[in-house]
Amino acid sequence: MRLVSLCLPTAATLLLSLYLPPAAAQQMSKEDQAIYDQMVRNAGIDPKLVKQAQQQNDNAQRWTSGKGGLVHYHIVGTYKGTPNVLGGSNWIGLADVTDRVEFDLDWKLDESKLVGSPSIHNFKSAVGAVRSPEPKCSAPTISGPYEHYELTGIKQGLSGQLDLLSTTSHPPGKAIQNCTGSPVAVPASVVKDTLDFVVLSPVLFDTAASSKGQVRVSADHKSLITSKAGWTWTYTPSVRK
């Protein structure tokens, strides 16, 4: 392949720089590459940015090359926090809690669309000793399992996001009135919630690895990781065969 330096109109040069086939770019000699880079500079564009855009385009094509253009995701959410394990809003009983949920789904990457029915695997919450937010007060008690997060459904949401439908189950308990007074019965309750959930694009592997943003890459470079509100979400994508 041989490139010739021409005084192309800016628009034409820009199109050439953005849509040069990857195979052609790989076959260029050092001299051709220098001429091509100068053409891009003449259009007012940094050649490094063009190469990054080409690389991202190549990666996007790779991730959509599977069956039906689908990307399969295995997603793991782990929680660690100190929520109120008593039901209702009038009483507080804090406990150290951990939880975990896993689900698998197929995602139409170029349409940001859920395809098929996801599979869900919920785990039991681990709950530490219940305590009052005031150290001097007697500790409340619960008489059953507290389930911090039970994923009950996944559906397509707005703007290319998912809706994660979940419940939090509070067991019956007893709270201490006026800090050291008589115990008061607190009934069991179930709280429903919907979380707007972003499916991270695998194209982020390139930018996340070199940045210090909210999305990071796992040590084995197979997963994208993000954390918020006590939750750590790990996305492991693969091309659907």
C-alpha atoms as a PDB file:
ATOM      1  CA  MET A   1       0.000   0.000   0.000  1.00  0.00           C
ATOM      2  CA  ARG A   2       1.278   3.471  -0.846  1.00  0.00           C
ATOM      3  CA  LEU A   3      -0.200   6.729   0.443  1.00  0.00           C
ATOM      4  CA  VAL A   4       0.338   9.975  -1.423  1.00  0.00           C
ATOM      5  CA  SER A   5       0.283  13.335   0.347  1.00  0.00           C
ATOM      6  CA  LEU A   6      -2.514  15.345  -1.253  1.00  0.00           C
ATOM      7  CA  CYS A   7      -4.188  18.618  -0.388  1.00  0.00           C
ATOM      8  CA  LEU A   8      -7.513  16.992   0.397  1.00  0.00           C
ATOM      9  CA  PRO A   9     -10.399  19.022   1.742  1.00  0.00           C
ATOM     10  CA  THR A  10     -10.570  18.870   5.530  1.00  0.00           C
ATOM     11  CA  ALA A  11     -13.800  16.836   5.571  1.00  0.00           C
ATOM     12  CA  ALA A  12     -12.380  14.235   3.179  1.00  0.00           C
ATOM     13  CA  THR A  13      -9.181  13.962   5.196  1.00  0.00           C
ATOM     14  CA  LEU A  14     -11.186  13.515   8.381  1.00  0.00           C
ATOM     15  CA  LEU A  15     -13.244  10.711   6.839  1.00  0.00           C
ATOM     16  CA  LEU A  16     -10.107   9.008   5.573  1.00  0.00           C
ATOM     17  CA  SER A  17      -8.482   9.181   8.987  1.00  0.00           C
ATOM     18  CA  LEU A  18     -11.503   7.826  10.822  1.00  0.00           C
ATOM     19  CA  TYR A  19     -12.478   5.041   8.434  1.00  0.00           C
ATOM     20  CA  LEU A  20      -9.188   3.671   7.236  1.00  0.00           C
ATOM     21  CA  PRO A  21      -9.617  -0.139   7.381  1.00  0.00           C
ATOM     22  CA  PRO A  22      -7.646  -1.721  10.250  1.00  0.00           C
ATOM     23  CA  ALA A  23      -5.937  -4.142   7.851  1.00  0.00           C
ATOM     24  CA  ALA A  24      -4.706  -1.245   5.727  1.00  0.00           C
ATOM     25  CA  ALA A  25      -3.365   0.524   8.804  1.00  0.00           C
ATOM     26  CA  GLN A  26      -1.446  -2.580   9.836  1.00  0.00           C
ATOM     27  CA  GLN A  27       0.152  -2.911   6.364  1.00  0.00           C
ATOM     28  CA  MET A  28       1.509   0.631   6.198  1.00  0.00           C
ATOM     29  CA  SER A  29       5.239   1.146   6.144  1.00  0.00           C
ATOM     30  CA  LYS A  30       6.875   3.661   8.457  1.00  0.00           C
ATOM     31  CA  GLU A  31       6.996   6.173   5.584  1.00  0.00           C
ATOM     32  CA  ASP A  32       3.317   5.651   4.765  1.00  0.00           C
ATOM     33  CA  GLN A  33       2.421   5.921   8.445  1.00  0.00           C
ATOM     34  CA  ALA A  34       4.252   9.254   8.692  1.00  0.00           C
ATOM     35  CA  ILE A  35       2.409  10.592   5.618  1.00  0.00           C
ATOM     36  CA  TYR A  36      -0.916   9.377   6.985  1.00  0.00           C
ATOM     37  CA  ASP A  37      -0.273  10.949  10.395  1.00  0.00           C
ATOM     38  CA  GLN A  38       0.587  14.265   8.730  1.00  0.00           C
ATOM     39  CA  MET A  39      -2.673  14.159   6.764  1.00  0.00           C
ATOM     40  CA  VAL A  40      -4.544  13.692  10.041  1.00  0.00           C
ATOM     41  CA  ARG A  41      -2.662  16.579  11.647  1.00  0.00           C
ATOM     42  CA  ASN A  42      -3.513  18.783   8.656  1.00  0.00           C
ATOM     43  CA  ALA A  43      -7.168  18.103   9.474  1.00  0.00           C
ATOM     44  CA  GLY A  44      -6.561  19.427  12.981  1.00  0.00           C
ATOM     45  CA  ILE A  45      -6.701  16.030  14.685  1.00  0.00           C
ATOM     46  CA  ASP A  46      -4.180  14.342  16.952  1.00  0.00           C
ATOM     47  CA  PRO A  47      -3.132  11.032  15.280  1.00  0.00           C
ATOM     48  CA  LYS A  48      -3.047   9.374  18.712  1.00  0.00           C
ATOM     49  CA  LEU A  49      -6.749  10.108  19.182  1.00  0.00           C
ATOM     50  CA  VAL A  50      -7.498   8.594  15.771  1.00  0.00           C
ATOM     51  CA  LYS A  51      -5.586   5.434  16.657  1.00  0.00           C
ATOM     52  CA  GLN A  52      -7.473   5.183  19.950  1.00  0.00           C
ATOM     53  CA  ALA A  53     -10.789   5.574  18.128  1.00  0.00           C
ATOM     54  CA  GLN A  54      -9.783   2.899  15.620  1.00  0.00           C
ATOM     55  CA  GLN A  55      -8.782   0.558  18.439  1.00  0.00           C
ATOM     56  CA  GLN A  56     -12.080   1.117  20.249  1.00  0.00           C
ATOM     57  CA  ASN A  57     -13.980   0.481  17.020  1.00  0.00           C
ATOM     58  CA  ASP A  58     -12.039  -2.752  16.449  1.00  0.00           C
ATOM     59  CA  ASN A  59     -12.789  -3.861  20.008  1.00  0.00           C
ATOM     60  CA  ALA A  60     -16.487  -3.052  19.660  1.00  0.00           C
ATOM     61  CA  GLN A  61     -16.628  -5.127  16.485  1.00  0.00           C
ATOM     62  CA  ARG A  62     -14.890  -8.000  18.255  1.00  0.00           C
ATOM     63  CA  TRP A  63     -17.436  -7.963  21.089  1.00  0.00           C
ATOM     64  CA  THR A  64     -20.372  -7.956  18.661  1.00  0.00           C
ATOM     65  CA  SER A  65     -18.962 -10.739  16.476  1.00  0.00           C
ATOM     66  CA  GLY A  66     -20.691 -13.523  18.409  1.00  0.00           C
ATOM     67  CA  LYS A  67     -24.010 -15.252  17.841  1.00  0.00           C
ATOM     68  CA  GLY A  68     -26.648 -12.614  17.154  1.00  0.00           C
ATOM     69  CA  GLY A  69     -24.224  -9.881  18.203  1.00  0.00           C
ATOM     70  CA  LEU A  70     -24.728 -10.948  21.822  1.00  0.00           C
ATOM     71  CA  VAL A  71     -22.410 -10.549  24.781  1.00  0.00           C
ATOM     72  CA  HIS A  72     -22.914 -12.935  27.711  1.00  0.00           C
ATOM     73  CA  TYR A  73     -22.403 -11.471  31.185  1.00  0.00           C
ATOM     74  CA  HIS A  74     -21.735 -13.226  34.469  1.00  0.00           C
ATOM     75  CA  ILE A  75     -22.326 -10.561  37.117  1.00  0.00           C
ATOM     76  CA  VAL A  76     -21.500 -10.877  40.814  1.00  0.00           C
ATOM     77  CA  GLY A  77     -22.615  -8.397  43.452  1.00  0.00           C
ATOM     78  CA  THR A  78     -21.135  -8.480  46.962  1.00  0.00           C
ATOM     79  CA  TYR A  79     -22.381  -6.302  49.796  1.00  0.00           C
ATOM     80  CA  LYS A  80     -20.723  -5.233  53.027  1.00  0.00           C
ATOM     81  CA  GLY A  81     -22.329  -2.675  55.306  1.00  0.00           C
ATOM     82  CA  THR A  82     -24.141  -1.835  58.537  1.00  0.00           C
ATOM     83  CA  PRO A  83     -27.857  -1.547  57.739  1.00  0.00           C
ATOM     84  CA  ASN A  84     -30.872  -1.296  60.023  1.00  0.00           C
ATOM     85  CA  VAL A  85     -32.089  -4.884  60.421  1.00  0.00           C
ATOM     86  CA  LEU A  86     -35.270  -3.942  62.327  1.00  0.00           C
ATOM     87  CA  GLY A  87     -38.439  -3.342  60.326  1.00  0.00           C
ATOM     88  CA  GLY A  88     -40.154   0.023  60.075  1.00  0.00           C
ATOM     89  CA  SER A  89     -38.688   3.488  60.454  1.00  0.00           C
ATOM     90  CA  ASN A  90     -39.345   4.034  64.184  1.00  0.00           C
ATOM     91  CA  TRP A  91     -36.699   1.649  65.519  1.00  0.00           C
ATOM     92  CA  ILE A  92     -33.055   1.072  64.731  1.00  0.00           C
ATOM     93  CA  GLY A  93     -31.005  -2.055  65.218  1.00  0.00           C
ATOM     94  CA  LEU A  94     -27.656  -2.037  63.452  1.00  0.00           C
ATOM     95  CA  ALA A  95     -25.660  -5.092  62.444  1.00  0.00           C
ATOM     96  CA  ASP A  96     -22.631  -5.862  60.303  1.00  0.00           C
ATOM     97  CA  VAL A  97     -24.038  -7.602  57.219  1.00  0.00           C
ATOM     98  CA  THR A  98     -22.575  -9.241  54.142  1.00  0.00           C
ATOM     99  CA  ASP A  99     -24.522 -10.551  51.171  1.00  0.00           C
ATOM    100  CA  ARG A 100     -23.996 -11.846  47.661  1.00  0.00           C
ATOM    101  CA  VAL A 101     -25.961 -12.283  44.440  1.00  0.00           C
ATOM    102  CA  GLU A 102     -24.987 -13.675  41.043  1.00  0.00           C
ATOM    103  CA  PHE A 103     -26.812 -13.534  37.733  1.00  0.00           C
ATOM    104  CA  ASP A 104     -26.179 -14.345  34.074  1.00  0.00           C
ATOM    105  CA  LEU A 105     -27.700 -12.628  31.073  1.00  0.00           C
ATOM    106  CA  ASP A 106     -27.329 -12.066  27.335  1.00  0.00           C
ATOM    107  CA  TRP A 107     -26.968  -8.469  26.164  1.00  0.00           C
ATOM    108  CA  LYS A 108     -27.356  -7.011  22.678  1.00  0.00           C
ATOM    109  CA  LEU A 109     -24.417  -4.637  22.902  1.00  0.00           C
ATOM    110  CA  ASP A 110     -25.151  -2.376  19.944  1.00  0.00           C
ATOM    111  CA  GLU A 111     -28.755  -1.878  21.110  1.00  0.00           C
ATOM    112  CA  SER A 112     -28.193  -1.926  24.909  1.00  0.00           C
ATOM    113  CA  LYS A 113     -30.965  -4.496  25.109  1.00  0.00           C
ATOM    114  CA  LEU A 114     -31.628  -7.530  27.306  1.00  0.00           C
ATOM    115  CA  VAL A 115     -32.196 -10.738  25.327  1.00  0.00           C
ATOM    116  CA  GLY A 116     -33.808 -13.836  26.799  1.00  0.00           C
ATOM    117  CA  SER A 117     -34.372 -14.680  30.450  1.00  0.00           C
ATOM    118  CA  PRO A 118     -31.562 -14.093  32.968  1.00  0.00           C
ATOM    119  CA  SER A 119     -30.669 -16.703  35.583  1.00  0.00           C
ATOM    120  CA  ILE A 120     -30.407 -15.616  39.227  1.00  0.00           C
ATOM    121  CA  HIS A 121     -28.608 -17.118  42.218  1.00  0.00           C
ATOM    122  CA  ASN A 122     -29.245 -15.509  45.609  1.00  0.00           C
ATOM    123  CA  PHE A 123     -27.140 -16.205  48.702  1.00  0.00           C
ATOM    124  CA  LYS A 124     -28.120 -15.960  52.362  1.00  0.00           C
ATOM    125  CA  SER A 125     -27.131 -12.827  54.238  1.00  0.00           C
ATOM    126  CA  ALA A 126     -24.571 -13.134  57.024  1.00  0.00           C
ATOM    127  CA  VAL A 127     -25.609 -11.010  60.016  1.00  0.00           C
ATOM    128  CA  GLY A 128     -23.478 -10.055  62.995  1.00  0.00           C
ATOM    129  CA  ALA A 129     -24.625  -9.096  66.497  1.00  0.00           C
ATOM    130  CA  VAL A 130     -27.440  -6.547  66.542  1.00  0.00           C
ATOM    131  CA  ARG A 131     -26.660  -3.358  68.454  1.00  0.00           C
ATOM    132  CA  SER A 132     -28.133   0.024  69.216  1.00  0.00           C
ATOM    133  CA  PRO A 133     -26.696   3.075  67.457  1.00  0.00           C
ATOM    134  CA  GLU A 134     -26.082   4.423  70.975  1.00  0.00           C
ATOM    135  CA  PRO A 135     -23.384   2.341  72.717  1.00  0.00           C
ATOM    136  CA  LYS A 136     -24.857   3.010  76.192  1.00  0.00           C
ATOM    137  CA  CYS A 137     -28.284   1.639  75.200  1.00  0.00           C
ATOM    138  CA  SER A 138     -29.444  -1.969  75.504  1.00  0.00           C
ATOM    139  CA  ALA A 139     -29.219  -3.893  72.234  1.00  0.00           C
ATOM    140  CA  PRO A 140     -32.388  -4.732  70.275  1.00  0.00           C
ATOM    141  CA  THR A 141     -32.966  -8.332  69.187  1.00  0.00           C
ATOM    142  CA  ILE A 142     -34.329 -10.145  66.126  1.00  0.00           C
ATOM    143  CA  SER A 143     -35.971 -13.558  66.117  1.00  0.00           C
ATOM    144  CA  GLY A 144     -35.418 -14.766  62.579  1.00  0.00           C
ATOM    145  CA  PRO A 145     -33.163 -14.407  59.542  1.00  0.00           C
ATOM    146  CA  TYR A 146     -32.573 -10.987  58.069  1.00  0.00           C
ATOM    147  CA  GLU A 147     -32.221 -11.047  54.267  1.00  0.00           C
ATOM    148  CA  HIS A 148     -30.574  -7.882  53.069  1.00  0.00           C
ATOM    149  CA  TYR A 149     -30.981  -8.437  49.328  1.00  0.00           C
ATOM    150  CA  GLU A 150     -33.067 -10.965  47.434  1.00  0.00           C
ATOM    151  CA  LEU A 151     -33.009 -10.404  43.659  1.00  0.00           C
ATOM    152  CA  THR A 152     -36.492 -11.329  42.428  1.00  0.00           C
ATOM    153  CA  GLY A 153     -36.403 -10.219  38.802  1.00  0.00           C
ATOM    154  CA  ILE A 154     -34.496  -8.462  36.023  1.00  0.00           C
ATOM    155  CA  LYS A 155     -36.165  -6.523  33.226  1.00  0.00           C
ATOM    156  CA  GLN A 156     -35.308  -3.972  30.576  1.00  0.00           C
ATOM    157  CA  GLY A 157     -35.284  -0.454  31.972  1.00  0.00           C
ATOM    158  CA  LEU A 158     -35.090   3.010  30.463  1.00  0.00           C
ATOM    159  CA  SER A 159     -32.168   4.507  28.534  1.00  0.00           C
ATOM    160  CA  GLY A 160     -30.401   1.192  27.969  1.00  0.00           C
ATOM    161  CA  GLN A 161     -30.321   0.228  31.649  1.00  0.00           C
ATOM    162  CA  LEU A 162     -31.730  -2.724  33.567  1.00  0.00           C
ATOM    163  CA  ASP A 163     -34.238  -2.708  36.402  1.00  0.00           C
ATOM    164  CA  LEU A 164     -33.159  -5.031  39.236  1.00  0.00           C
ATOM    165  CA  LEU A 165     -36.206  -5.944  41.336  1.00  0.00           C
ATOM    166  CA  SER A 166     -35.422  -6.959  44.900  1.00  0.00           C
ATOM    167  CA  THR A 167     -36.728  -7.365  48.428  1.00  0.00           C
ATOM    168  CA  THR A 168     -35.253  -6.807  51.886  1.00  0.00           C
ATOM    169  CA  SER A 169     -36.796  -9.019  54.592  1.00  0.00           C
ATOM    170  CA  HIS A 170     -36.805  -7.853  58.223  1.00  0.00           C
ATOM    171  CA  PRO A 171     -37.649 -10.531  60.831  1.00  0.00           C
ATOM    172  CA  PRO A 172     -39.738  -9.837  63.949  1.00  0.00           C
ATOM    173  CA  GLY A 173     -37.721  -8.203  66.683  1.00  0.00           C
ATOM    174  CA  LYS A 174     -37.723  -6.287  69.925  1.00  0.00           C
ATOM    175  CA  ALA A 175     -36.457  -2.753  70.443  1.00  0.00           C
ATOM    176  CA  ILE A 176     -35.648  -1.231  73.806  1.00  0.00           C
ATOM    177  CA  GLN A 177     -37.850   1.739  74.580  1.00  0.00           C
ATOM    178  CA  ASN A 178     -36.105   4.847  75.896  1.00  0.00           C
ATOM    179  CA  CYS A 179     -32.691   3.178  75.690  1.00  0.00           C
ATOM    180  CA  THR A 180     -32.986   1.048  78.855  1.00  0.00           C
ATOM    181  CA  GLY A 181     -36.734   0.594  79.248  1.00  0.00           C
ATOM    182  CA  SER A 182     -39.083  -2.242  78.412  1.00  0.00           C
ATOM    183  CA  PRO A 183     -38.739  -4.082  75.093  1.00  0.00           C
ATOM    184  CA  VAL A 184     -41.237  -3.207  72.360  1.00  0.00           C
ATOM    185  CA  ALA A 185     -42.279  -5.765  69.723  1.00  0.00           C
ATOM    186  CA  VAL A 186     -41.356  -4.810  66.169  1.00  0.00           C
ATOM    187  CA  PRO A 187     -43.273  -6.719  63.471  1.00  0.00           C
ATOM    188  CA  ALA A 188     -41.646  -8.387  60.488  1.00  0.00           C
ATOM    189  CA  SER A 189     -41.695  -6.503  57.207  1.00  0.00           C
ATOM    190  CA  VAL A 190     -40.663  -6.882  53.574  1.00  0.00           C
ATOM    191  CA  VAL A 191     -39.458  -3.871  51.574  1.00  0.00           C
ATOM    192  CA  LYS A 192     -39.506  -3.942  47.770  1.00  0.00           C
ATOM    193  CA  ASP A 193     -37.031  -1.938  45.724  1.00  0.00           C
ATOM    194  CA  THR A 194     -36.000  -1.310  42.101  1.00  0.00           C
ATOM    195  CA  LEU A 195     -32.410  -0.460  41.201  1.00  0.00           C
ATOM    196  CA  ASP A 196     -31.419   1.263  37.951  1.00  0.00           C
ATOM    197  CA  PHE A 197     -28.513  -0.925  36.871  1.00  0.00           C
ATOM    198  CA  VAL A 198     -25.958  -0.032  34.198  1.00  0.00           C
ATOM    199  CA  VAL A 199     -24.505  -2.887  32.133  1.00  0.00           C
ATOM    200  CA  LEU A 200     -20.874  -1.889  31.644  1.00  0.00           C
ATOM    201  CA  SER A 201     -19.682  -2.180  28.055  1.00  0.00           C
ATOM    202  CA  PRO A 202     -16.649  -4.452  27.520  1.00  0.00           C
ATOM    203  CA  VAL A 203     -15.180  -1.661  25.384  1.00  0.00           C
ATOM    204  CA  LEU A 204     -14.351  -0.037  28.749  1.00  0.00           C
ATOM    205  CA  PHE A 205     -11.527  -2.548  29.232  1.00  0.00           C
ATOM    206  CA  ASP A 206      -9.275  -0.187  27.244  1.00  0.00           C
ATOM    207  CA  THR A 207     -10.057   3.045  29.046  1.00  0.00           C
ATOM    208  CA  ALA A 208     -10.575   1.640  32.552  1.00  0.00           C
ATOM    209  CA  ALA A 209      -7.163  -0.039  32.591  1.00  0.00           C
ATOM    210  CA  SER A 210      -5.391   3.278  32.044  1.00  0.00           C
ATOM    211  CA  SER A 211      -7.585   5.562  34.158  1.00  0.00           C
ATOM    212  CA  LYS A 212      -8.410   6.066  37.832  1.00  0.00           C
ATOM    213  CA  GLY A 213     -12.157   6.332  37.359  1.00  0.00           C
ATOM    214  CA  GLN A 214     -15.039   4.504  39.001  1.00  0.00           C
ATOM    215  CA  VAL A 215     -14.578   1.452  36.771  1.00  0.00           C
ATOM    216  CA  ARG A 216     -11.480  -0.698  37.214  1.00  0.00           C
ATOM    217  CA  VAL A 217     -10.169  -3.894  35.609  1.00  0.00           C
ATOM    218  CA  SER A 218      -9.580  -7.124  37.547  1.00  0.00           C
ATOM    219  CA  ALA A 219      -6.081  -8.500  38.005  1.00  0.00           C
ATOM    220  CA  ASP A 220      -6.684 -11.212  35.388  1.00  0.00           C
ATOM    221  CA  HIS A 221      -8.038  -8.588  32.930  1.00  0.00           C
ATOM    222  CA  LYS A 222     -11.246 -10.588  32.453  1.00  0.00           C
ATOM    223  CA  SER A 223     -13.676  -8.481  34.498  1.00  0.00           C
ATOM    224  CA  LEU A 224     -14.807  -4.913  35.026  1.00  0.00           C
ATOM    225  CA  ILE A 225     -15.409  -3.818  38.635  1.00  0.00           C
ATOM    226  CA  THR A 226     -17.308  -0.906  40.139  1.00  0.00           C
ATOM    227  CA  SER A 227     -18.347  -0.079  43.711  1.00  0.00           C
ATOM    228  CA  LYS A 228     -21.150   2.021  45.196  1.00  0.00           C
ATOM    229  CA  ALA A 229     -23.261   2.178  48.369  1.00  0.00           C
ATOM    230  CA  GLY A 230     -21.633  -0.849  50.001  1.00  0.00           C
ATOM    231  CA  TRP A 231     -21.912  -2.961  46.837  1.00  0.00           C
ATOM    232  CA  THR A 232     -19.100  -4.178  44.615  1.00  0.00           C
ATOM    233  CA  TRP A 233     -20.237  -5.340  41.176  1.00  0.00           C
ATOM    234  CA  THR A 234     -18.000  -7.540  39.034  1.00  0.00           C
ATOM    235  CA  TYR A 235     -18.916  -7.942  35.340  1.00  0.00           C
ATOM    236  CA  THR A 236     -17.311 -10.774  33.370  1.00  0.00           C
ATOM    237  CA  PRO A 237     -18.308 -10.528  29.689  1.00  0.00           C
ATOM    238  CA  SER A 238     -17.737 -13.067  26.944  1.00  0.00           C
ATOM    239  CA  VAL A 239     -18.710 -13.282  23.292  1.00  0.00           C
ATOM    240  CA  ARG A 240     -21.794 -15.481  22.910  1.00  0.00           C
ATOM    241  CA  LYS A 241     -20.857 -18.574  20.880  1.00  0.00           C
END
